[in-house]
Amino acid sequence: MKKSGNKTGYGLLAGTGFILTLLFCGEIGMHYQNAGSWRGVMIGVFLMCYGLAGWNRETLTKTGAVLFNIAGPLGLIAGGIILLTIGFMIFAVPKTQPEEDATVIILGCGVNSDGTPSAIMQNRVEAALEYLKNHPDVPVIVSGGQLGSAPVSEAESMKQELMQNGIEEERIYCEDQSRTTAENLRFSAMVIKENLLSQNAVIVTSEFHLARACLYAKRNGLNASPVSAVTPWYALPAYVLRETYAVFYAFVIHRR
């Protein structure tokens, strides 16, 4: 019975890996391609291989058995780290409500080849537009540099989108040098200081990104309040997985 139960468990593990591989490959096919989607494929393949090896454990060579015994604990440790960081993403988002005296900061996330915001960034802009139209006296910082082959910076792309939707140019401040979330908030804090804007920062970004963005805002002396932009469900796994690595980096390596 125990052997049969083990085979069932390994079979479920291999099946889960197969489903994850298809899911993340599908995200890549839909152009939601980032470090998280490729890592998701790797995790799916790992689970498939581990599950199949466990299913046929009696046929493993001596070297294969050693590798199998090492892979299990390493996989559990990696899974634990991922779960902890997902917990941080869910529970570490500040519960504070935005102050009336505030500065909105929109974080960039990719530009299309025609200079328009990517789908994820467009969702962030739309979330910011709703807030800005309800608070017509609040200034906004669009934050993000020109990355890769993009024709314009993320900041300029967002600025144009805001202006096309009725936000006055004089309300918009561009921070177009940043390449990472840490730089987004550090350079935006500098813009706030240089222009004597409020340090009550309304951080507008995707839900999976809010906890880390607010963490960096706090590290740069800002009082952060979150405004969440919705991510399509089919794109969320890749971005969440990418974010788990970024959260780990923020706490273990990049501590400022």
Protein backbone atom coordinates (compact mmCIF):
# COMPACT_ATOMS: atom_id res chain seq x y z
CA MET A 1 0.00 0.00 0.00
CA LYS A 2 2.81 2.38 0.89
CA LYS A 3 4.55 1.76 -2.42
CA SER A 4 1.29 2.30 -4.30
CA GLY A 5 0.64 5.51 -2.36
CA ASN A 6 4.13 6.77 -3.16
CA LYS A 7 3.57 6.08 -6.86
CA THR A 8 0.31 8.02 -6.74
CA GLY A 9 2.04 10.97 -5.08
CA TYR A 10 4.86 10.98 -7.61
CA GLY A 11 2.35 10.69 -10.42
CA LEU A 12 0.46 13.72 -9.12
CA LEU A 13 3.75 15.61 -8.85
CA ALA A 14 4.65 14.79 -12.45
CA GLY A 15 1.16 15.79 -13.60
CA THR A 16 1.38 19.08 -11.71
CA GLY A 17 4.73 19.75 -13.36
CA PHE A 18 3.24 19.04 -16.78
CA ILE A 19 0.37 21.48 -16.16
CA LEU A 20 2.75 24.17 -14.90
CA THR A 21 4.98 23.73 -17.94
CA LEU A 22 2.00 24.16 -20.28
CA LEU A 23 0.77 27.19 -18.28
CA PHE A 24 4.07 29.05 -18.37
CA CYS A 25 4.76 28.11 -22.00
CA GLY A 26 1.30 29.49 -22.79
CA GLU A 27 2.17 32.78 -21.05
CA ILE A 28 5.33 33.02 -23.13
CA GLY A 29 3.25 32.40 -26.26
CA MET A 30 0.91 35.24 -25.23
CA HIS A 31 3.95 37.56 -24.93
CA TYR A 32 3.87 37.69 -21.13
CA GLN A 33 7.50 36.69 -21.25
CA ASN A 34 9.79 37.55 -18.36
CA ALA A 35 12.19 35.91 -15.93
CA GLY A 36 9.23 34.45 -14.04
CA SER A 37 7.75 32.69 -17.06
CA TRP A 38 11.04 30.98 -17.91
CA ARG A 39 11.62 30.02 -14.28
CA GLY A 40 8.09 28.65 -14.21
CA VAL A 41 8.91 26.41 -17.16
CA MET A 42 12.04 25.23 -15.35
CA ILE A 43 10.06 24.48 -12.17
CA GLY A 44 7.44 22.59 -14.18
CA VAL A 45 10.08 20.50 -15.95
CA PHE A 46 11.83 19.83 -12.62
CA LEU A 47 8.59 18.60 -11.03
CA MET A 48 7.84 16.40 -14.05
CA CYS A 49 11.30 14.85 -14.00
CA TYR A 50 11.30 14.39 -10.23
CA GLY A 51 7.83 12.86 -10.27
CA LEU A 52 8.69 10.48 -13.09
CA ALA A 53 11.96 9.52 -11.39
CA GLY A 54 10.06 8.79 -8.18
CA TRP A 55 7.50 6.75 -10.09
CA ASN A 56 10.30 4.61 -11.52
CA ARG A 57 12.63 4.88 -8.55
CA GLU A 58 13.55 1.19 -8.60
CA THR A 59 15.04 1.61 -12.07
CA LEU A 60 17.33 4.52 -11.19
CA THR A 61 21.07 4.08 -11.44
CA LYS A 62 23.22 4.68 -8.37
CA THR A 63 24.07 8.18 -9.58
CA GLY A 64 20.44 8.85 -10.41
CA ALA A 65 19.35 7.78 -6.93
CA VAL A 66 21.90 10.14 -5.34
CA LEU A 67 20.69 13.05 -7.49
CA PHE A 68 17.08 12.16 -6.68
CA ASN A 69 17.79 12.21 -2.92
CA ILE A 70 19.51 15.60 -3.20
CA ALA A 71 16.84 17.15 -5.44
CA GLY A 72 13.98 16.46 -3.01
CA PRO A 73 15.25 18.56 -0.04
CA LEU A 74 16.50 21.32 -2.36
CA GLY A 75 13.08 21.47 -3.99
CA LEU A 76 11.37 21.71 -0.60
CA ILE A 77 13.68 24.55 0.47
CA ALA A 78 13.05 26.44 -2.79
CA GLY A 79 9.30 25.86 -2.45
CA GLY A 80 9.37 27.15 1.12
CA ILE A 81 11.18 30.32 0.08
CA ILE A 82 8.67 30.90 -2.71
CA LEU A 83 5.73 30.45 -0.33
CA LEU A 84 7.27 32.84 2.21
CA THR A 85 7.81 35.53 -0.39
CA ILE A 86 4.28 35.10 -1.74
CA GLY A 87 3.07 35.58 1.84
CA PHE A 88 5.06 38.82 1.98
CA MET A 89 3.47 40.00 -1.28
CA ILE A 90 0.00 39.39 0.15
CA PHE A 91 0.33 40.52 3.74
CA ALA A 92 3.03 43.22 3.70
CA VAL A 93 1.10 45.73 1.58
CA PRO A 94 0.44 48.81 3.78
CA LYS A 95 -3.16 49.24 4.85
CA THR A 96 -2.86 53.04 5.01
CA GLN A 97 -5.28 55.19 3.05
CA PRO A 98 -3.83 57.93 0.80
CA GLU A 99 -3.59 61.40 2.34
CA GLU A 100 -5.30 64.34 0.66
CA ASP A 101 -1.88 66.01 0.46
CA ALA A 102 -0.06 63.41 -1.62
CA THR A 103 2.10 62.68 -4.65
CA VAL A 104 1.13 59.86 -6.98
CA ILE A 105 3.97 57.66 -8.28
CA ILE A 106 3.23 55.30 -11.18
CA LEU A 107 5.78 52.55 -11.73
CA GLY A 108 6.53 51.55 -15.33
CA CYS A 109 6.48 48.05 -16.80
CA GLY A 110 7.46 47.88 -20.45
CA VAL A 111 6.74 49.85 -23.62
CA ASN A 112 5.36 48.51 -26.90
CA SER A 113 7.26 48.96 -30.16
CA ASP A 114 4.96 51.86 -31.11
CA GLY A 115 5.70 53.70 -27.86
CA THR A 116 2.40 52.90 -26.14
CA PRO A 117 2.29 51.29 -22.68
CA SER A 118 2.44 47.50 -22.44
CA ALA A 119 -0.71 45.75 -21.21
CA ILE A 120 0.53 45.58 -17.61
CA MET A 121 1.64 49.23 -17.61
CA GLN A 122 -1.63 50.31 -19.22
CA ASN A 123 -3.50 48.77 -16.30
CA ARG A 124 -1.33 50.80 -13.93
CA VAL A 125 -2.01 54.00 -15.86
CA GLU A 126 -5.75 53.34 -15.78
CA ALA A 127 -5.69 52.78 -12.02
CA ALA A 128 -3.77 56.05 -11.62
CA LEU A 129 -6.18 57.91 -13.91
CA GLU A 130 -9.12 57.00 -11.73
CA TYR A 131 -7.32 58.31 -8.65
CA LEU A 132 -6.03 61.48 -10.37
CA LYS A 133 -9.43 62.42 -11.75
CA ASN A 134 -10.91 62.07 -8.26
CA HIS A 135 -8.06 64.18 -6.81
CA PRO A 136 -7.51 66.98 -9.36
CA ASP A 137 -4.94 68.86 -7.25
CA VAL A 138 -2.56 65.94 -6.76
CA PRO A 139 0.68 65.84 -8.85
CA VAL A 140 1.94 62.62 -10.41
CA ILE A 141 5.40 61.20 -11.07
CA VAL A 142 5.72 58.73 -13.95
CA SER A 143 8.73 56.54 -13.25
CA GLY A 144 10.70 54.33 -15.63
CA GLY A 145 13.65 54.58 -17.99
CA GLN A 146 14.15 53.57 -21.61
CA LEU A 147 14.93 49.87 -21.63
CA GLY A 148 16.06 47.54 -24.39
CA SER A 149 14.78 48.48 -27.82
CA ALA A 150 11.85 50.57 -26.57
CA PRO A 151 11.40 53.74 -28.66
CA VAL A 152 10.72 55.93 -25.61
CA SER A 153 11.12 55.71 -21.84
CA GLU A 154 8.39 54.17 -19.73
CA ALA A 155 7.93 57.58 -18.11
CA GLU A 156 7.34 59.31 -21.45
CA SER A 157 4.94 56.58 -22.61
CA MET A 158 2.89 56.94 -19.42
CA LYS A 159 2.99 60.74 -19.61
CA GLN A 160 1.53 60.72 -23.12
CA GLU A 161 -1.20 58.29 -22.05
CA LEU A 162 -2.12 60.46 -19.07
CA MET A 163 -2.27 63.62 -21.21
CA GLN A 164 -4.44 61.88 -23.82
CA ASN A 165 -6.86 61.10 -21.00
CA GLY A 166 -7.16 64.65 -19.72
CA ILE A 167 -4.36 64.99 -17.15
CA GLU A 168 -2.68 68.40 -17.48
CA GLU A 169 1.01 68.35 -18.41
CA GLU A 170 1.91 70.67 -15.52
CA ARG A 171 0.74 68.00 -13.05
CA ILE A 172 3.13 65.40 -14.47
CA TYR A 173 6.76 64.94 -13.43
CA CYS A 174 8.96 62.53 -15.40
CA GLU A 175 11.55 60.29 -13.78
CA ASP A 176 13.07 58.60 -16.83
CA GLN A 177 16.41 57.25 -15.60
CA SER A 178 15.42 54.27 -13.44
CA ARG A 179 15.92 50.68 -14.55
CA THR A 180 14.73 48.80 -11.43
CA THR A 181 12.04 49.13 -8.78
CA ALA A 182 14.66 50.27 -6.25
CA GLU A 183 15.72 53.04 -8.63
CA ASN A 184 12.07 53.90 -9.39
CA LEU A 185 11.52 54.83 -5.77
CA ARG A 186 14.94 56.30 -5.06
CA PHE A 187 14.86 58.60 -8.08
CA SER A 188 11.18 59.47 -7.53
CA ALA A 189 12.02 60.47 -3.94
CA MET A 190 14.67 62.79 -5.39
CA VAL A 191 12.08 64.35 -7.72
CA ILE A 192 9.79 64.88 -4.73
CA LYS A 193 12.56 66.56 -2.75
CA GLU A 194 13.75 68.76 -5.63
CA ASN A 195 10.21 69.98 -6.41
CA LEU A 196 9.02 70.29 -2.79
CA LEU A 197 6.22 67.79 -3.35
CA SER A 198 4.45 65.87 -0.60
CA GLN A 199 6.29 62.86 0.82
CA ASN A 200 2.93 61.12 1.23
CA ALA A 201 3.38 58.87 -1.78
CA VAL A 202 0.49 57.07 -3.46
CA ILE A 203 2.21 54.10 -5.07
CA VAL A 204 0.37 52.86 -8.17
CA THR A 205 1.49 49.50 -9.47
CA SER A 206 0.30 45.93 -10.02
CA GLU A 207 -1.01 44.00 -7.03
CA PHE A 208 1.90 41.53 -7.02
CA HIS A 209 4.38 44.44 -7.02
CA LEU A 210 2.88 46.64 -4.29
CA ALA A 211 4.57 45.16 -1.21
CA ARG A 212 8.09 45.48 -2.59
CA ALA A 213 7.44 48.92 -4.11
CA CYS A 214 6.12 50.22 -0.79
CA LEU A 215 9.13 48.68 0.98
CA TYR A 216 11.51 50.66 -1.25
CA ALA A 217 9.37 53.78 -0.81
CA LYS A 218 9.72 53.50 2.97
CA ARG A 219 13.49 52.99 2.64
CA ASN A 220 13.62 56.30 0.76
CA GLY A 221 11.73 58.25 3.41
CA LEU A 222 8.30 58.22 1.77
CA ASN A 223 4.99 57.53 3.50
CA ALA A 224 3.57 54.94 1.14
CA SER A 225 -0.09 54.22 0.44
CA PRO A 226 -1.00 51.60 -2.18
CA VAL A 227 -3.27 51.80 -5.21
CA SER A 228 -3.53 48.44 -6.95
CA ALA A 229 -3.74 47.79 -10.68
CA VAL A 230 -5.28 44.50 -11.76
CA THR A 231 -3.21 41.91 -13.65
CA PRO A 232 -4.95 39.45 -16.04
CA TRP A 233 -5.27 36.08 -14.28
CA TYR A 234 -3.46 34.24 -17.06
CA ALA A 235 -0.41 36.52 -16.74
CA LEU A 236 -0.33 36.56 -12.94
CA PRO A 237 1.63 33.31 -12.32
CA ALA A 238 4.69 34.47 -14.29
CA TYR A 239 4.74 37.89 -12.63
CA VAL A 240 4.22 36.45 -9.15
CA LEU A 241 7.05 33.97 -9.66
CA ARG A 242 9.31 36.70 -11.00
CA GLU A 243 8.43 38.84 -7.99
CA THR A 244 9.33 36.11 -5.49
CA TYR A 245 12.94 36.27 -6.67
CA ALA A 246 12.87 40.08 -6.56
CA VAL A 247 11.52 40.06 -2.99
CA PHE A 248 14.25 37.65 -1.92
CA TYR A 249 16.82 39.95 -3.54
CA ALA A 250 15.36 43.01 -1.79
CA PHE A 251 15.71 41.45 1.65
CA VAL A 252 18.92 39.46 1.29
CA ILE A 253 21.08 41.46 -1.16
CA HIS A 254 19.69 44.91 -1.93
CA ARG A 255 18.90 46.27 1.53
CA ARG A 256 18.65 49.98 0.77
